[in-house]
């Protein structure tokens, strides 16, 4: 019978699912449990019927019970197995919940330093949990995970401008808006209108894409050769999301439905990333 966390991961349609499939069973089950925890916590603040703060409190308490060996839910029991098998810091789950809590108030981010804290909580913390499952030898791999997490989340922000605006959320730093002479009201109006953005907004989006690309490049530089094979799943994730960023740029930063990569192309990108990870580390 399929485990709950495997089913939740598969049904989510995440780009990560096929990257996880290459892992051996024990690691695959653990990473499904970690991802599913992130999913249910995220749903607390994103879904119309989400539990909000009460859900965040409940799931954080369940994460703590997992470390005590006393989970109370089916997902918690699968997560407890993961944290028992692999040295995942409990602080990762605390940071993930803290990041989701920031979304409850649809706050604005005055600077990139403020946005970076959010991204580190909701994305880099997931990366730091994941590499404990993947396995690594060089401590520098933690810096790789942090920067790859930032790159992935910044790509998500560019992909989801319109859907985020519908929730009253704006993730671009306000000082970046000022740099390109775009008001908060203009940005939100453009996001909700969809289509090709006005010139000033397009320049802003191009700047944000460049920032994401810098973090992809930084992550690539930081990944030690000794851990490239172990990080193959992460490299697949990075390759797929970088392709999404490339597509967003190629289309002129359209606002509206999220840019998707067709499954055949996604499979080709994944195979190429896997080959690169294994060949470089050979």
C-alpha atoms as a PDB file:
ATOM      1  CA  UNK A   1       0.000   0.000   0.000  1.00  0.00           C
ATOM      2  CA  UNK A   2       1.256   3.477  -0.900  1.00  0.00           C
ATOM      3  CA  UNK A   3       2.359   5.520   2.105  1.00  0.00           C
ATOM      4  CA  UNK A   4       0.480   8.747   2.858  1.00  0.00           C
ATOM      5  CA  UNK A   5       3.480  10.996   2.283  1.00  0.00           C
ATOM      6  CA  UNK A   6       4.233   9.352  -1.085  1.00  0.00           C
ATOM      7  CA  UNK A   7       0.631   9.886  -2.169  1.00  0.00           C
ATOM      8  CA  UNK A   8       0.599  13.512  -1.008  1.00  0.00           C
ATOM      9  CA  UNK A   9       3.855  14.215  -2.842  1.00  0.00           C
ATOM     10  CA  UNK A  10       2.652  12.564  -6.045  1.00  0.00           C
ATOM     11  CA  UNK A  11      -0.763  14.250  -5.967  1.00  0.00           C
ATOM     12  CA  UNK A  12       0.750  17.690  -5.363  1.00  0.00           C
ATOM     13  CA  UNK A  13       2.154  17.722  -8.892  1.00  0.00           C
ATOM     14  CA  UNK A  14       5.428  19.086  -7.570  1.00  0.00           C
ATOM     15  CA  UNK A  15       8.428  19.276  -9.869  1.00  0.00           C
ATOM     16  CA  UNK A  16      10.349  17.570  -7.051  1.00  0.00           C
ATOM     17  CA  UNK A  17       8.476  14.247  -7.260  1.00  0.00           C
ATOM     18  CA  UNK A  18      10.526  12.754 -10.094  1.00  0.00           C
ATOM     19  CA  UNK A  19      13.785  14.005  -8.584  1.00  0.00           C
ATOM     20  CA  UNK A  20      12.917  12.098  -5.430  1.00  0.00           C
ATOM     21  CA  UNK A  21      12.121   8.913  -7.376  1.00  0.00           C
ATOM     22  CA  UNK A  22      15.805   8.275  -8.080  1.00  0.00           C
ATOM     23  CA  UNK A  23      16.566   7.815  -4.380  1.00  0.00           C
ATOM     24  CA  UNK A  24      16.815   4.422  -2.671  1.00  0.00           C
ATOM     25  CA  UNK A  25      13.678   3.440  -0.762  1.00  0.00           C
ATOM     26  CA  UNK A  26      14.690   4.566   2.739  1.00  0.00           C
ATOM     27  CA  UNK A  27      15.775   8.006   1.541  1.00  0.00           C
ATOM     28  CA  UNK A  28      12.791   8.320  -0.790  1.00  0.00           C
ATOM     29  CA  UNK A  29      10.337   7.596   2.033  1.00  0.00           C
ATOM     30  CA  UNK A  30      12.095  10.096   4.293  1.00  0.00           C
ATOM     31  CA  UNK A  31      12.112  12.895   1.728  1.00  0.00           C
ATOM     32  CA  UNK A  32       8.453  12.289   0.909  1.00  0.00           C
ATOM     33  CA  UNK A  33       7.666  12.710   4.614  1.00  0.00           C
ATOM     34  CA  UNK A  34       9.652  15.963   4.815  1.00  0.00           C
ATOM     35  CA  UNK A  35       8.028  17.336   1.665  1.00  0.00           C
ATOM     36  CA  UNK A  36       4.534  16.349   2.814  1.00  0.00           C
ATOM     37  CA  UNK A  37       5.057  18.138   6.121  1.00  0.00           C
ATOM     38  CA  UNK A  38       6.009  21.258   4.158  1.00  0.00           C
ATOM     39  CA  UNK A  39       2.943  20.808   1.951  1.00  0.00           C
ATOM     40  CA  UNK A  40       0.403  20.518   4.759  1.00  0.00           C
ATOM     41  CA  UNK A  41       1.938  23.461   6.623  1.00  0.00           C
ATOM     42  CA  UNK A  42       1.885  25.565   3.463  1.00  0.00           C
ATOM     43  CA  UNK A  43      -1.751  24.623   2.892  1.00  0.00           C
ATOM     44  CA  UNK A  44      -2.599  26.028   6.334  1.00  0.00           C
ATOM     45  CA  UNK A  45      -1.881  29.534   5.032  1.00  0.00           C
ATOM     46  CA  UNK A  46      -2.564  29.164   1.279  1.00  0.00           C
ATOM     47  CA  UNK A  47      -5.807  27.221   0.988  1.00  0.00           C
ATOM     48  CA  UNK A  48      -9.246  28.829   1.526  1.00  0.00           C
ATOM     49  CA  UNK A  49     -10.096  26.174   4.098  1.00  0.00           C
ATOM     50  CA  UNK A  50      -6.630  26.206   5.694  1.00  0.00           C
ATOM     51  CA  UNK A  51      -6.402  26.259   9.459  1.00  0.00           C
ATOM     52  CA  UNK A  52      -4.163  29.326   9.596  1.00  0.00           C
ATOM     53  CA  UNK A  53      -2.275  29.903  12.847  1.00  0.00           C
ATOM     54  CA  UNK A  54      -4.058  27.031  14.590  1.00  0.00           C
ATOM     55  CA  UNK A  55      -2.823  24.629  11.911  1.00  0.00           C
ATOM     56  CA  UNK A  56       0.734  25.937  12.137  1.00  0.00           C
ATOM     57  CA  UNK A  57       0.736  25.448  15.893  1.00  0.00           C
ATOM     58  CA  UNK A  58      -0.717  21.953  15.566  1.00  0.00           C
ATOM     59  CA  UNK A  59       1.782  20.774  12.967  1.00  0.00           C
ATOM     60  CA  UNK A  60       4.779  22.275  14.734  1.00  0.00           C
ATOM     61  CA  UNK A  61       3.712  20.445  17.895  1.00  0.00           C
ATOM     62  CA  UNK A  62       3.453  17.243  15.838  1.00  0.00           C
ATOM     63  CA  UNK A  63       6.982  17.791  14.482  1.00  0.00           C
ATOM     64  CA  UNK A  64       8.263  18.118  18.046  1.00  0.00           C
ATOM     65  CA  UNK A  65       6.437  14.927  18.997  1.00  0.00           C
ATOM     66  CA  UNK A  66       8.179  13.164  16.110  1.00  0.00           C
ATOM     67  CA  UNK A  67      11.537  13.839  17.748  1.00  0.00           C
ATOM     68  CA  UNK A  68      10.169  12.513  21.029  1.00  0.00           C
ATOM     69  CA  UNK A  69       8.916   9.366  19.286  1.00  0.00           C
ATOM     70  CA  UNK A  70       5.292  10.229  20.089  1.00  0.00           C
ATOM     71  CA  UNK A  71       3.583  11.277  16.802  1.00  0.00           C
ATOM     72  CA  UNK A  72      -0.219  11.368  16.779  1.00  0.00           C
ATOM     73  CA  UNK A  73      -0.983  11.394  13.042  1.00  0.00           C
ATOM     74  CA  UNK A  74      -0.263   9.083  10.118  1.00  0.00           C
ATOM     75  CA  UNK A  75       1.963  11.686   8.488  1.00  0.00           C
ATOM     76  CA  UNK A  76       3.651  12.292  11.831  1.00  0.00           C
ATOM     77  CA  UNK A  77       4.482   8.601  12.148  1.00  0.00           C
ATOM     78  CA  UNK A  78       6.141   8.659   8.725  1.00  0.00           C
ATOM     79  CA  UNK A  79       8.029  11.845   9.615  1.00  0.00           C
ATOM     80  CA  UNK A  80       9.126  10.300  12.929  1.00  0.00           C
ATOM     81  CA  UNK A  81      10.706   7.439  10.984  1.00  0.00           C
ATOM     82  CA  UNK A  82      12.539   9.982   8.827  1.00  0.00           C
ATOM     83  CA  UNK A  83      14.009  11.963  11.730  1.00  0.00           C
ATOM     84  CA  UNK A  84      14.934   8.717  13.461  1.00  0.00           C
ATOM     85  CA  UNK A  85      16.843   7.467  10.390  1.00  0.00           C
ATOM     86  CA  UNK A  86      18.480  10.732   9.347  1.00  0.00           C
ATOM     87  CA  UNK A  87      19.993  13.649  11.342  1.00  0.00           C
ATOM     88  CA  UNK A  88      17.462  16.286  10.235  1.00  0.00           C
ATOM     89  CA  UNK A  89      17.688  19.272  12.623  1.00  0.00           C
ATOM     90  CA  UNK A  90      14.360  20.071  14.257  1.00  0.00           C
ATOM     91  CA  UNK A  91      15.190  23.718  13.636  1.00  0.00           C
ATOM     92  CA  UNK A  92      14.473  23.120   9.943  1.00  0.00           C
ATOM     93  CA  UNK A  93      10.830  22.387  10.719  1.00  0.00           C
ATOM     94  CA  UNK A  94      10.638  25.337  13.108  1.00  0.00           C
ATOM     95  CA  UNK A  95      11.974  27.640  10.386  1.00  0.00           C
ATOM     96  CA  UNK A  96       9.537  26.264   7.788  1.00  0.00           C
ATOM     97  CA  UNK A  97       6.583  26.954  10.085  1.00  0.00           C
ATOM     98  CA  UNK A  98       7.940  30.419  10.928  1.00  0.00           C
ATOM     99  CA  UNK A  99       8.206  31.213   7.214  1.00  0.00           C
ATOM    100  CA  UNK A 100       4.641  30.098   6.535  1.00  0.00           C
ATOM    101  CA  UNK A 101       3.498  32.221   9.476  1.00  0.00           C
ATOM    102  CA  UNK A 102       4.926  35.265   7.663  1.00  0.00           C
ATOM    103  CA  UNK A 103       2.388  34.619   4.888  1.00  0.00           C
ATOM    104  CA  UNK A 104      -0.579  34.899   7.231  1.00  0.00           C
ATOM    105  CA  UNK A 105      -0.395  38.682   7.263  1.00  0.00           C
ATOM    106  CA  UNK A 106       0.574  39.203   3.596  1.00  0.00           C
ATOM    107  CA  UNK A 107       3.394  41.434   4.786  1.00  0.00           C
ATOM    108  CA  UNK A 108       5.632  43.524   2.534  1.00  0.00           C
ATOM    109  CA  UNK A 109       9.415  43.261   2.370  1.00  0.00           C
ATOM    110  CA  UNK A 110      11.239  46.603   2.526  1.00  0.00           C
ATOM    111  CA  UNK A 111      14.550  45.169   1.287  1.00  0.00           C
ATOM    112  CA  UNK A 112      16.031  41.989  -0.128  1.00  0.00           C
ATOM    113  CA  UNK A 113      17.523  41.239   3.281  1.00  0.00           C
ATOM    114  CA  UNK A 114      13.959  41.027   4.620  1.00  0.00           C
ATOM    115  CA  UNK A 115      12.799  38.854   1.720  1.00  0.00           C
ATOM    116  CA  UNK A 116      15.872  36.654   2.066  1.00  0.00           C
ATOM    117  CA  UNK A 117      14.860  35.752   5.625  1.00  0.00           C
ATOM    118  CA  UNK A 118      11.487  34.576   4.331  1.00  0.00           C
ATOM    119  CA  UNK A 119      13.097  32.578   1.507  1.00  0.00           C
ATOM    120  CA  UNK A 120      15.602  30.971   3.860  1.00  0.00           C
ATOM    121  CA  UNK A 121      12.771  29.845   6.121  1.00  0.00           C
ATOM    122  CA  UNK A 122      10.410  28.428   3.503  1.00  0.00           C
ATOM    123  CA  UNK A 123      12.999  27.108   1.017  1.00  0.00           C
ATOM    124  CA  UNK A 124      16.576  26.966   2.298  1.00  0.00           C
ATOM    125  CA  UNK A 125      15.401  25.216   5.470  1.00  0.00           C
ATOM    126  CA  UNK A 126      13.824  22.551   3.269  1.00  0.00           C
ATOM    127  CA  UNK A 127      17.134  22.209   1.453  1.00  0.00           C
ATOM    128  CA  UNK A 128      19.054  21.839   4.710  1.00  0.00           C
ATOM    129  CA  UNK A 129      16.644  19.112   5.816  1.00  0.00           C
ATOM    130  CA  UNK A 130      16.879  17.390   2.430  1.00  0.00           C
ATOM    131  CA  UNK A 131      20.674  17.158   2.272  1.00  0.00           C
ATOM    132  CA  UNK A 132      20.669  15.280   5.567  1.00  0.00           C
ATOM    133  CA  UNK A 133      18.559  12.665   3.815  1.00  0.00           C
ATOM    134  CA  UNK A 134      20.586  12.732   0.589  1.00  0.00           C
ATOM    135  CA  UNK A 135      23.822  12.411   2.556  1.00  0.00           C
ATOM    136  CA  UNK A 136      26.930  14.621   2.231  1.00  0.00           C
ATOM    137  CA  UNK A 137      30.526  14.749   3.439  1.00  0.00           C
ATOM    138  CA  UNK A 138      31.668  18.336   2.942  1.00  0.00           C
ATOM    139  CA  UNK A 139      30.160  21.028   5.239  1.00  0.00           C
ATOM    140  CA  UNK A 140      30.239  23.437   2.267  1.00  0.00           C
ATOM    141  CA  UNK A 141      27.268  21.522   0.893  1.00  0.00           C
ATOM    142  CA  UNK A 142      25.117  23.308   3.469  1.00  0.00           C
ATOM    143  CA  UNK A 143      25.950  26.640   1.796  1.00  0.00           C
ATOM    144  CA  UNK A 144      25.036  25.036  -1.526  1.00  0.00           C
ATOM    145  CA  UNK A 145      21.640  24.019  -0.114  1.00  0.00           C
ATOM    146  CA  UNK A 146      20.971  27.506   1.240  1.00  0.00           C
ATOM    147  CA  UNK A 147      21.729  29.199  -2.087  1.00  0.00           C
ATOM    148  CA  UNK A 148      19.862  26.653  -4.173  1.00  0.00           C
ATOM    149  CA  UNK A 149      16.856  27.110  -1.891  1.00  0.00           C
ATOM    150  CA  UNK A 150      17.025  30.864  -2.432  1.00  0.00           C
ATOM    151  CA  UNK A 151      17.227  30.393  -6.209  1.00  0.00           C
ATOM    152  CA  UNK A 152      14.235  28.035  -6.256  1.00  0.00           C
ATOM    153  CA  UNK A 153      12.096  30.318  -4.124  1.00  0.00           C
ATOM    154  CA  UNK A 154      12.974  33.424  -6.146  1.00  0.00           C
ATOM    155  CA  UNK A 155      11.946  31.472  -9.264  1.00  0.00           C
ATOM    156  CA  UNK A 156       8.680  30.520  -7.574  1.00  0.00           C
ATOM    157  CA  UNK A 157       8.033  34.182  -6.803  1.00  0.00           C
ATOM    158  CA  UNK A 158       8.526  35.150 -10.460  1.00  0.00           C
ATOM    159  CA  UNK A 159       6.342  32.270 -11.630  1.00  0.00           C
ATOM    160  CA  UNK A 160       3.491  32.968  -9.204  1.00  0.00           C
ATOM    161  CA  UNK A 161       3.197  36.767  -9.318  1.00  0.00           C
ATOM    162  CA  UNK A 162      -0.464  36.725 -10.353  1.00  0.00           C
ATOM    163  CA  UNK A 163      -1.656  33.997  -7.980  1.00  0.00           C
ATOM    164  CA  UNK A 164       0.209  35.650  -5.104  1.00  0.00           C
ATOM    165  CA  UNK A 165      -1.350  39.022  -5.925  1.00  0.00           C
ATOM    166  CA  UNK A 166      -4.794  37.408  -5.742  1.00  0.00           C
ATOM    167  CA  UNK A 167      -3.968  36.587  -2.106  1.00  0.00           C
ATOM    168  CA  UNK A 168      -2.779  40.140  -1.458  1.00  0.00           C
ATOM    169  CA  UNK A 169       0.861  39.092  -1.446  1.00  0.00           C
ATOM    170  CA  UNK A 170       3.750  40.962  -3.030  1.00  0.00           C
ATOM    171  CA  UNK A 171       7.171  39.380  -2.639  1.00  0.00           C
ATOM    172  CA  UNK A 172       9.310  41.892  -4.507  1.00  0.00           C
ATOM    173  CA  UNK A 173      11.283  44.145  -2.134  1.00  0.00           C
ATOM    174  CA  UNK A 174       9.839  47.630  -1.938  1.00  0.00           C
ATOM    175  CA  UNK A 175      13.240  49.219  -2.494  1.00  0.00           C
ATOM    176  CA  UNK A 176      13.453  47.297  -5.790  1.00  0.00           C
ATOM    177  CA  UNK A 177      10.084  48.720  -6.805  1.00  0.00           C
ATOM    178  CA  UNK A 178      11.359  52.206  -6.000  1.00  0.00           C
ATOM    179  CA  UNK A 179      14.540  51.576  -8.023  1.00  0.00           C
ATOM    180  CA  UNK A 180      12.456  50.911 -11.123  1.00  0.00           C
ATOM    181  CA  UNK A 181       9.851  53.586 -10.375  1.00  0.00           C
ATOM    182  CA  UNK A 182       7.039  51.068  -9.905  1.00  0.00           C
ATOM    183  CA  UNK A 183       4.526  51.741  -7.145  1.00  0.00           C
ATOM    184  CA  UNK A 184       3.063  48.935  -5.078  1.00  0.00           C
ATOM    185  CA  UNK A 185      -0.365  49.716  -6.549  1.00  0.00           C
ATOM    186  CA  UNK A 186       0.983  49.573 -10.131  1.00  0.00           C
ATOM    187  CA  UNK A 187       2.691  46.244  -9.478  1.00  0.00           C
ATOM    188  CA  UNK A 188      -0.417  44.675  -7.965  1.00  0.00           C
ATOM    189  CA  UNK A 189      -2.629  46.032 -10.767  1.00  0.00           C
ATOM    190  CA  UNK A 190      -0.298  44.635 -13.446  1.00  0.00           C
ATOM    191  CA  UNK A 191      -0.159  41.269 -11.686  1.00  0.00           C
ATOM    192  CA  UNK A 192      -3.939  41.015 -11.489  1.00  0.00           C
ATOM    193  CA  UNK A 193      -4.428  42.207 -15.085  1.00  0.00           C
ATOM    194  CA  UNK A 194      -2.110  39.541 -16.483  1.00  0.00           C
ATOM    195  CA  UNK A 195      -0.574  39.486 -19.925  1.00  0.00           C
ATOM    196  CA  UNK A 196       2.633  41.226 -20.901  1.00  0.00           C
ATOM    197  CA  UNK A 197       3.768  43.649 -18.185  1.00  0.00           C
ATOM    198  CA  UNK A 198       4.296  47.383 -18.699  1.00  0.00           C
ATOM    199  CA  UNK A 199       7.920  48.346 -19.520  1.00  0.00           C
ATOM    200  CA  UNK A 200       8.849  49.474 -15.993  1.00  0.00           C
ATOM    201  CA  UNK A 201       7.399  46.305 -14.474  1.00  0.00           C
ATOM    202  CA  UNK A 202       9.222  44.190 -17.072  1.00  0.00           C
ATOM    203  CA  UNK A 203      12.518  45.814 -16.091  1.00  0.00           C
ATOM    204  CA  UNK A 204      11.769  45.060 -12.435  1.00  0.00           C
ATOM    205  CA  UNK A 205      10.979  41.426 -13.229  1.00  0.00           C
ATOM    206  CA  UNK A 206      14.175  41.103 -15.279  1.00  0.00           C
ATOM    207  CA  UNK A 207      16.157  42.401 -12.324  1.00  0.00           C
ATOM    208  CA  UNK A 208      14.539  39.847  -9.998  1.00  0.00           C
ATOM    209  CA  UNK A 209      15.254  37.078 -12.526  1.00  0.00           C
ATOM    210  CA  UNK A 210      18.890  38.137 -12.544  1.00  0.00           C
ATOM    211  CA  UNK A 211      19.005  37.833  -8.778  1.00  0.00           C
ATOM    212  CA  UNK A 212      17.599  34.315  -8.958  1.00  0.00           C
ATOM    213  CA  UNK A 213      20.165  33.409 -11.601  1.00  0.00           C
ATOM    214  CA  UNK A 214      22.979  34.692  -9.370  1.00  0.00           C
ATOM    215  CA  UNK A 215      21.919  32.265  -6.658  1.00  0.00           C
ATOM    216  CA  UNK A 216      21.798  29.334  -9.097  1.00  0.00           C
ATOM    217  CA  UNK A 217      25.336  30.201 -10.162  1.00  0.00           C
ATOM    218  CA  UNK A 218      26.481  30.617  -6.557  1.00  0.00           C
ATOM    219  CA  UNK A 219      25.018  27.244  -5.631  1.00  0.00           C
ATOM    220  CA  UNK A 220      26.808  25.600  -8.572  1.00  0.00           C
ATOM    221  CA  UNK A 221      30.098  27.121  -7.449  1.00  0.00           C
ATOM    222  CA  UNK A 222      29.620  26.034  -3.837  1.00  0.00           C
ATOM    223  CA  UNK A 223      28.739  22.375  -4.477  1.00  0.00           C
ATOM    224  CA  UNK A 224      31.833  20.286  -3.647  1.00  0.00           C
ATOM    225  CA  UNK A 225      32.790  17.684  -6.260  1.00  0.00           C
ATOM    226  CA  UNK A 226      32.811  15.026  -3.547  1.00  0.00           C
ATOM    227  CA  UNK A 227      29.065  15.526  -2.953  1.00  0.00           C
ATOM    228  CA  UNK A 228      27.834  15.991  -6.517  1.00  0.00           C
ATOM    229  CA  UNK A 229      26.565  12.430  -6.860  1.00  0.00           C
ATOM    230  CA  UNK A 230      24.774  12.544  -3.499  1.00  0.00           C
ATOM    231  CA  UNK A 231      23.158  15.842  -4.478  1.00  0.00           C
ATOM    232  CA  UNK A 232      21.864  14.484  -7.800  1.00  0.00           C
ATOM    233  CA  UNK A 233      18.195  14.906  -6.719  1.00  0.00           C
ATOM    234  CA  UNK A 234      18.863  18.523  -5.771  1.00  0.00           C
ATOM    235  CA  UNK A 235      20.633  19.098  -9.081  1.00  0.00           C
ATOM    236  CA  UNK A 236      17.577  17.756 -10.912  1.00  0.00           C
ATOM    237  CA  UNK A 237      15.360  20.184  -8.966  1.00  0.00           C
ATOM    238  CA  UNK A 238      17.700  23.053  -9.769  1.00  0.00           C
ATOM    239  CA  UNK A 239      17.834  22.173 -13.474  1.00  0.00           C
ATOM    240  CA  UNK A 240      14.039  22.011 -13.798  1.00  0.00           C
ATOM    241  CA  UNK A 241      13.498  25.306 -11.985  1.00  0.00           C
ATOM    242  CA  UNK A 242      16.251  26.988 -13.923  1.00  0.00           C
ATOM    243  CA  UNK A 243      14.458  25.896 -17.099  1.00  0.00           C
ATOM    244  CA  UNK A 244      11.289  27.530 -15.746  1.00  0.00           C
ATOM    245  CA  UNK A 245      13.270  30.737 -15.187  1.00  0.00           C
ATOM    246  CA  UNK A 246      14.661  30.523 -18.737  1.00  0.00           C
ATOM    247  CA  UNK A 247      11.112  30.127 -20.092  1.00  0.00           C
ATOM    248  CA  UNK A 248       9.820  33.088 -18.084  1.00  0.00           C
ATOM    249  CA  UNK A 249      12.607  35.237 -19.515  1.00  0.00           C
ATOM    250  CA  UNK A 250      12.095  33.952 -23.065  1.00  0.00           C
ATOM    251  CA  UNK A 251       8.382  34.813 -22.935  1.00  0.00           C
ATOM    252  CA  UNK A 252       9.054  38.362 -21.727  1.00  0.00           C
ATOM    253  CA  UNK A 253       8.001  37.856 -18.073  1.00  0.00           C
ATOM    254  CA  UNK A 254       4.290  37.221 -18.685  1.00  0.00           C
ATOM    255  CA  UNK A 255       1.847  37.740 -15.827  1.00  0.00           C
ATOM    256  CA  UNK A 256      -0.983  35.247 -15.523  1.00  0.00           C
ATOM    257  CA  UNK A 257      -1.044  31.445 -15.325  1.00  0.00           C
ATOM    258  CA  UNK A 258       2.260  30.015 -14.045  1.00  0.00           C
ATOM    259  CA  UNK A 259       4.792  28.987 -16.663  1.00  0.00           C
ATOM    260  CA  UNK A 260       5.018  25.179 -16.876  1.00  0.00           C
ATOM    261  CA  UNK A 261       7.565  22.848 -18.424  1.00  0.00           C
ATOM    262  CA  UNK A 262       6.017  19.987 -20.460  1.00  0.00           C
ATOM    263  CA  UNK A 263       6.645  16.566 -18.929  1.00  0.00           C
ATOM    264  CA  UNK A 264       8.775  15.199 -21.834  1.00  0.00           C
ATOM    265  CA  UNK A 265      11.071  18.229 -21.673  1.00  0.00           C
ATOM    266  CA  UNK A 266      11.178  17.948 -17.889  1.00  0.00           C
ATOM    267  CA  UNK A 267      12.259  14.305 -18.194  1.00  0.00           C
ATOM    268  CA  UNK A 268      15.017  15.267 -20.627  1.00  0.00           C
ATOM    269  CA  UNK A 269      16.247  18.035 -18.302  1.00  0.00           C
ATOM    270  CA  UNK A 270      16.268  15.593 -15.382  1.00  0.00           C
ATOM    271  CA  UNK A 271      18.232  12.960 -17.309  1.00  0.00           C
ATOM    272  CA  UNK A 272      20.777  15.523 -18.434  1.00  0.00           C
ATOM    273  CA  UNK A 273      21.211  16.834 -14.868  1.00  0.00           C
ATOM    274  CA  UNK A 274      21.636  13.293 -13.564  1.00  0.00           C
ATOM    275  CA  UNK A 275      24.249  12.474 -16.186  1.00  0.00           C
ATOM    276  CA  UNK A 276      26.158  15.646 -15.365  1.00  0.00           C
ATOM    277  CA  UNK A 277      26.093  14.910 -11.616  1.00  0.00           C
ATOM    278  CA  UNK A 278      27.370  11.369 -12.082  1.00  0.00           C
ATOM    279  CA  UNK A 279      29.968  12.166 -14.732  1.00  0.00           C
ATOM    280  CA  UNK A 280      31.505  15.118 -12.858  1.00  0.00           C
ATOM    281  CA  UNK A 281      31.789  13.110  -9.651  1.00  0.00           C
ATOM    282  CA  UNK A 282      33.202  10.002 -11.348  1.00  0.00           C
END
